[in-house]
Amino acid sequence: MNKLHRAAMVIAAFAIVGLTAPAAPAAAAEPVDKHCVARANVAEPQAICFDTFDKALQFASGGVLYDLPKGSSVAAKVDALNAKFGVNVVNTVISIEYTGSNHTGSDLIWVGQSGNCSTSTGNTDYTISSMPAGWDNVITSYRAYANCWIKHFENTGHGGAVVGYEGARSYIGGALDNRTSSQRWS
């Protein structure tokens, strides 16, 4: 009885003092891709982000893209949006920038309100002098849409090293990988 009484006292003491085994460290969270939309031709572009690409593109379309077949490619979705999907859509997707190579990772959908880019690269159809918060120096690949070609700049205000005008790159190259701070579309 004495041993049983001692064991009960030890258990009670642990319960009162609150001694427990140390908790296992929390597992590191997996990085989560973000899917954002920003408007070109504004002084300070703001990115609005969503948990899926489809939600971001739905937002970019002003709610028009809601009935494309499941599994439709990015190009099919953007083409449907830019074809105005049979209604008067205000936004035009001019490019999608990606944080990973081969058009992977988080994405930033750039939209404009002036329609497709002109054929000539001698003029500027859309421009941004700085990237939205969280998007400076993270671009690794990109695709242009709406007859646009993109020029990426190392510095804000369209300065420093340059890549472009080009329609797409699965890897932007060492000179500007994770170094884009401003852009132009023509």
Protein backbone atom coordinates (compact mmCIF):
# COMPACT_ATOMS: atom_id res chain seq x y z
CA MET A 1 0.00 0.00 0.00
CA ASN A 2 2.90 2.28 0.78
CA LYS A 3 4.31 1.93 -2.80
CA LEU A 4 0.89 2.57 -4.29
CA HIS A 5 0.47 5.66 -2.09
CA ARG A 6 3.90 6.99 -3.17
CA ALA A 7 3.13 6.42 -6.87
CA ALA A 8 -0.15 8.28 -6.50
CA MET A 9 1.63 11.17 -4.75
CA VAL A 10 4.24 11.42 -7.54
CA ILE A 11 1.55 11.45 -10.21
CA ALA A 12 -0.39 14.11 -8.29
CA ALA A 13 2.76 16.22 -7.90
CA PHE A 14 3.42 16.11 -11.65
CA ALA A 15 -0.19 17.09 -12.32
CA ILE A 16 -0.05 20.00 -9.85
CA VAL A 17 3.32 21.34 -10.99
CA GLY A 18 2.41 20.82 -14.64
CA LEU A 19 5.52 18.90 -15.59
CA THR A 20 5.01 17.24 -18.92
CA ALA A 21 7.20 15.89 -21.64
CA PRO A 22 8.47 18.63 -23.95
CA ALA A 23 6.34 19.08 -27.07
CA ALA A 24 7.82 18.02 -30.39
CA PRO A 25 8.88 20.96 -32.53
CA ALA A 26 6.31 22.03 -35.09
CA ALA A 27 6.97 20.90 -38.64
CA ALA A 28 8.02 23.64 -41.02
CA ALA A 29 5.13 24.85 -43.14
CA GLU A 30 5.32 24.11 -46.84
CA PRO A 31 5.68 27.26 -48.93
CA VAL A 32 2.34 28.24 -50.38
CA ASP A 33 2.12 29.62 -53.90
CA LYS A 34 0.19 32.84 -54.21
CA HIS A 35 -1.81 33.89 -57.24
CA CYS A 36 -2.08 37.64 -57.62
CA VAL A 37 -3.53 40.26 -59.94
CA ALA A 38 -2.22 43.81 -60.48
CA ARG A 39 -3.11 46.62 -62.86
CA ALA A 40 -0.50 48.18 -65.16
CA ASN A 41 -0.34 51.92 -65.94
CA VAL A 42 -0.86 53.00 -62.34
CA ALA A 43 1.62 54.95 -60.22
CA GLU A 44 1.83 52.35 -57.43
CA PRO A 45 0.55 48.94 -58.52
CA GLN A 46 -1.14 46.88 -55.81
CA ALA A 47 -1.35 43.08 -55.96
CA ILE A 48 -4.54 41.37 -54.82
CA CYS A 49 -3.84 37.70 -54.07
CA PHE A 50 -5.91 34.51 -54.04
CA ASP A 51 -5.34 30.89 -53.02
CA THR A 52 -5.84 29.52 -56.56
CA PHE A 53 -4.92 30.65 -60.05
CA ASP A 54 -8.53 30.22 -61.21
CA LYS A 55 -9.79 32.61 -58.50
CA ALA A 56 -7.15 35.17 -59.48
CA LEU A 57 -8.08 34.92 -63.16
CA GLN A 58 -11.77 35.12 -62.26
CA PHE A 59 -11.01 38.37 -60.42
CA ALA A 60 -8.91 39.65 -63.33
CA SER A 61 -11.85 38.98 -65.66
CA GLY A 62 -14.27 40.99 -63.54
CA GLY A 63 -16.21 37.80 -62.87
CA VAL A 64 -16.66 36.79 -66.52
CA LEU A 65 -14.65 33.54 -66.49
CA TYR A 66 -16.84 31.12 -64.64
CA ASP A 67 -17.75 28.35 -67.05
CA LEU A 68 -14.59 27.05 -68.75
CA PRO A 69 -14.06 23.29 -68.68
CA LYS A 70 -12.17 21.94 -65.68
CA GLY A 71 -8.53 21.41 -66.56
CA SER A 72 -8.46 24.13 -69.23
CA SER A 73 -4.93 25.35 -69.84
CA VAL A 74 -3.74 28.77 -68.68
CA ALA A 75 -3.49 29.86 -72.33
CA ALA A 76 -7.11 28.78 -73.03
CA LYS A 77 -8.34 30.69 -69.99
CA VAL A 78 -6.43 33.85 -70.86
CA ASP A 79 -7.49 33.61 -74.51
CA ALA A 80 -11.14 33.30 -73.44
CA LEU A 81 -10.79 36.33 -71.19
CA ASN A 82 -9.03 38.44 -73.80
CA ALA A 83 -11.59 37.42 -76.44
CA LYS A 84 -14.05 39.11 -74.10
CA PHE A 85 -15.95 35.82 -73.68
CA GLY A 86 -18.86 37.38 -75.56
CA VAL A 87 -19.33 40.33 -73.19
CA ASN A 88 -17.82 43.72 -72.47
CA VAL A 89 -14.79 42.94 -70.28
CA VAL A 90 -12.82 45.91 -68.95
CA ASN A 91 -9.52 44.13 -68.24
CA THR A 92 -7.06 42.56 -70.66
CA VAL A 93 -4.46 40.09 -69.37
CA ILE A 94 -1.16 41.40 -70.74
CA SER A 95 1.24 38.99 -68.99
CA ILE A 96 1.73 36.48 -66.24
CA GLU A 97 4.98 36.58 -64.26
CA TYR A 98 6.16 33.53 -62.28
CA THR A 99 8.54 33.07 -59.36
CA GLY A 100 9.77 29.69 -60.63
CA SER A 101 11.35 28.56 -63.86
CA ASN A 102 9.18 26.98 -66.56
CA HIS A 103 6.17 29.08 -65.52
CA THR A 104 5.82 27.60 -62.04
CA GLY A 105 5.58 28.92 -58.51
CA SER A 106 3.59 31.95 -57.46
CA ASP A 107 2.16 34.02 -60.29
CA LEU A 108 1.31 37.67 -60.89
CA ILE A 109 -1.33 38.36 -63.54
CA TRP A 110 -0.87 41.83 -65.05
CA VAL A 111 -4.03 43.43 -66.48
CA GLY A 112 -4.53 46.58 -68.49
CA GLN A 113 -7.56 48.58 -69.49
CA SER A 114 -6.52 49.70 -72.97
CA GLY A 115 -6.98 46.40 -74.81
CA ASN A 116 -4.30 44.57 -76.77
CA CYS A 117 -0.82 45.96 -77.31
CA SER A 118 0.01 47.51 -80.67
CA THR A 119 2.18 45.59 -83.09
CA SER A 120 5.16 47.96 -82.90
CA THR A 121 7.66 47.71 -80.05
CA GLY A 122 8.64 51.31 -80.77
CA ASN A 123 5.96 52.57 -78.40
CA THR A 124 4.89 51.68 -74.87
CA ASP A 125 1.34 50.39 -74.38
CA TYR A 126 1.61 49.61 -70.65
CA THR A 127 4.20 50.39 -68.00
CA ILE A 128 4.95 50.08 -64.29
CA SER A 129 7.81 51.94 -62.64
CA SER A 130 7.91 49.66 -59.61
CA MET A 131 6.61 46.24 -58.68
CA PRO A 132 3.76 45.66 -56.20
CA ALA A 133 4.70 44.83 -52.61
CA GLY A 134 6.08 41.30 -52.39
CA TRP A 135 6.88 41.12 -56.12
CA ASP A 136 10.12 43.10 -56.36
CA ASN A 137 13.10 40.91 -57.32
CA VAL A 138 11.23 37.57 -57.48
CA ILE A 139 10.44 37.02 -61.20
CA THR A 140 12.07 33.98 -62.87
CA SER A 141 9.83 33.28 -65.89
CA TYR A 142 6.96 34.94 -67.77
CA ARG A 143 4.49 34.82 -70.66
CA ALA A 144 2.95 37.76 -72.51
CA TYR A 145 -0.59 37.84 -73.91
CA ALA A 146 -2.80 40.22 -75.94
CA ASN A 147 -0.18 40.87 -78.63
CA CYS A 148 2.18 42.27 -75.97
CA TRP A 149 5.93 41.83 -75.62
CA ILE A 150 7.57 42.60 -72.28
CA LYS A 151 10.75 44.35 -71.27
CA HIS A 152 12.00 43.66 -67.72
CA PHE A 153 14.26 46.16 -65.93
CA GLU A 154 16.60 45.60 -63.00
CA ASN A 155 15.83 48.92 -61.27
CA THR A 156 12.72 50.92 -60.54
CA GLY A 157 11.98 53.63 -63.07
CA HIS A 158 13.12 51.42 -66.00
CA GLY A 159 16.84 51.48 -65.27
CA GLY A 160 19.71 49.01 -64.99
CA ALA A 161 20.02 45.70 -66.82
CA VAL A 162 17.28 44.85 -69.33
CA VAL A 163 15.72 41.71 -70.84
CA GLY A 164 13.26 42.11 -73.72
CA TYR A 165 11.16 42.91 -75.61
CA GLU A 166 10.10 39.26 -75.71
CA GLY A 167 6.88 37.29 -75.57
CA ALA A 168 7.91 34.56 -73.13
CA ARG A 169 10.82 33.04 -71.28
CA SER A 170 10.82 29.86 -69.23
CA TYR A 171 13.90 31.28 -67.49
CA ILE A 172 14.55 35.01 -67.58
CA GLY A 173 18.33 34.49 -67.41
CA GLY A 174 21.01 35.17 -64.85
CA ALA A 175 21.12 38.91 -65.51
CA LEU A 176 17.56 39.40 -64.21
CA ASP A 177 16.62 36.21 -62.35
CA ASN A 178 14.98 37.50 -59.18
CA ARG A 179 16.00 41.06 -60.09
CA THR A 180 13.00 42.60 -61.94
CA SER A 181 11.92 45.94 -60.43
CA SER A 182 10.00 47.57 -63.30
CA GLN A 183 8.43 46.57 -66.63
CA ARG A 184 7.13 47.86 -69.98
CA TRP A 185 4.75 46.18 -72.44
CA SER A 186 4.59 47.02 -76.13
